Amino acid sequence: MAEAVPAGEKPAGEKKAEAGGSRLAKKALLAQVVAATGAKPKDVKPILEATLDAIAQALGRGESLVLPPLGRLTVRPQREGANARVMTVKVRRTADKAEHASQALAEADEAH
């Protein structure tokens, strides 16, 4: 079960990003999914990893993804870096769906 996080503190795995926002690490995402579903972490983890892998593979092939409520993800031209493929992903979200998703996650966090 995910622990409640005191107001003003970030959940485990969420760190300050370089661009000034926050970053959601896989561990924190797993905790949020567990909290939202009530499922056990050992059951959620392989599903989450398979989902992230499928998304990564599709983006790597340059495919657009339509994943409500996340939105539409479109890959911009890619380039090969020294140790990684560098890609820019454009995410288009409908405002009301984005707000609905944020509220659903907040409600799941408050419930546990």
Protein backbone atom coordinates (compact mmCIF):
# COMPACT_ATOMS: atom_id res chain seq x y z
CA MET A 1 0.00 0.00 0.00
CA ALA A 2 1.32 3.48 -0.82
CA GLU A 3 2.02 5.76 2.11
CA ALA A 4 0.35 9.13 2.45
CA VAL A 5 2.73 11.98 1.72
CA PRO A 6 2.60 15.02 4.05
CA ALA A 7 1.55 18.28 2.41
CA GLY A 8 4.48 20.05 0.80
CA GLU A 9 6.61 16.91 0.50
CA LYS A 10 7.22 14.89 -2.66
CA PRO A 11 6.51 11.14 -2.82
CA ALA A 12 9.45 8.76 -3.05
CA GLY A 13 10.85 8.67 -6.57
CA GLU A 14 9.64 12.13 -7.49
CA LYS A 15 12.53 14.54 -7.90
CA LYS A 16 13.05 18.07 -9.10
CA ALA A 17 13.61 18.10 -12.85
CA GLU A 18 16.26 20.15 -14.57
CA ALA A 19 13.69 22.37 -16.32
CA GLY A 20 12.14 23.54 -13.06
CA GLY A 21 9.24 21.07 -12.82
CA SER A 22 9.10 17.79 -11.00
CA ARG A 23 9.94 14.34 -12.33
CA LEU A 24 7.94 11.19 -11.75
CA ALA A 25 10.19 8.14 -11.45
CA LYS A 26 8.97 4.60 -12.12
CA LYS A 27 8.91 3.77 -8.40
CA ALA A 28 6.55 6.68 -7.67
CA LEU A 29 4.39 5.83 -10.70
CA LEU A 30 4.12 2.26 -9.42
CA ALA A 31 3.04 3.58 -6.01
CA GLN A 32 0.37 5.78 -7.63
CA VAL A 33 -1.02 2.90 -9.70
CA VAL A 34 -1.08 0.65 -6.63
CA ALA A 35 -2.92 3.37 -4.68
CA ALA A 36 -5.39 4.00 -7.51
CA THR A 37 -6.19 0.31 -8.09
CA GLY A 38 -5.74 -1.27 -4.68
CA ALA A 39 -3.73 -4.04 -6.36
CA LYS A 40 -0.55 -5.46 -4.88
CA PRO A 41 2.78 -3.98 -6.06
CA LYS A 42 4.01 -7.44 -7.12
CA ASP A 43 0.98 -7.71 -9.43
CA VAL A 44 1.18 -4.17 -10.81
CA LYS A 45 4.94 -4.01 -11.44
CA PRO A 46 5.16 -6.45 -14.40
CA ILE A 47 2.11 -4.87 -16.03
CA LEU A 48 3.52 -1.36 -15.60
CA GLU A 49 6.91 -2.45 -16.97
CA ALA A 50 5.30 -4.15 -19.99
CA THR A 51 3.19 -1.05 -20.65
CA LEU A 52 6.18 1.28 -20.48
CA ASP A 53 8.16 -1.06 -22.74
CA ALA A 54 5.35 -1.14 -25.32
CA ILE A 55 5.17 2.67 -25.28
CA ALA A 56 8.96 2.97 -25.62
CA GLN A 57 9.03 0.50 -28.53
CA ALA A 58 6.25 2.36 -30.37
CA LEU A 59 7.94 5.73 -29.86
CA GLY A 60 11.24 4.22 -31.00
CA ARG A 61 9.56 3.17 -34.25
CA GLY A 62 8.31 6.74 -34.68
CA GLU A 63 4.66 5.80 -34.20
CA SER A 64 2.10 8.25 -32.85
CA LEU A 65 0.22 7.07 -29.80
CA VAL A 66 -3.31 7.96 -28.78
CA LEU A 67 -3.62 7.17 -25.08
CA PRO A 68 -6.52 8.90 -23.35
CA PRO A 69 -6.38 10.55 -20.86
CA LEU A 70 -2.61 10.99 -21.37
CA GLY A 71 -3.23 12.38 -24.84
CA ARG A 72 -1.75 12.10 -28.32
CA LEU A 73 2.02 11.56 -28.44
CA THR A 74 3.85 12.34 -31.66
CA VAL A 75 7.56 11.74 -32.25
CA ARG A 76 9.49 14.55 -33.89
CA PRO A 77 12.62 13.87 -35.97
CA GLN A 78 15.16 11.76 -34.08
CA ARG A 79 18.93 11.78 -34.00
CA GLU A 80 21.52 9.38 -32.72
CA GLY A 81 23.60 10.67 -29.82
CA ALA A 82 26.87 9.24 -28.56
CA ASN A 83 25.18 6.77 -26.20
CA ALA A 84 21.47 7.16 -26.89
CA ARG A 85 18.79 7.93 -29.43
CA VAL A 86 17.53 11.45 -28.86
CA MET A 87 13.88 12.06 -29.66
CA THR A 88 11.42 14.83 -29.00
CA VAL A 89 7.91 13.74 -28.16
CA LYS A 90 5.05 16.20 -28.53
CA VAL A 91 2.13 15.54 -26.20
CA ARG A 92 -1.25 17.05 -27.00
CA ARG A 93 -3.86 16.86 -24.27
CA THR A 94 -7.42 18.05 -24.15
CA ALA A 95 -7.69 20.46 -21.21
CA ASP A 96 -10.69 18.85 -19.54
CA LYS A 97 -9.23 15.34 -19.87
CA ALA A 98 -5.91 16.49 -18.40
CA GLU A 99 -7.72 17.99 -15.41
CA HIS A 100 -9.84 14.83 -15.00
CA ALA A 101 -6.72 12.63 -14.91
CA SER A 102 -5.06 14.87 -12.31
CA GLN A 103 -8.17 14.78 -10.14
CA ALA A 104 -8.44 11.00 -10.39
CA LEU A 105 -4.85 10.52 -9.22
CA ALA A 106 -5.30 13.07 -6.42
CA GLU A 107 -8.46 11.30 -5.25
CA ALA A 108 -6.65 7.94 -5.28
CA ASP A 109 -3.83 9.41 -3.18
CA GLU A 110 -6.32 10.87 -0.68
CA ALA A 111 -8.22 7.58 -0.41
CA HIS A 112 -5.13 5.71 0.81
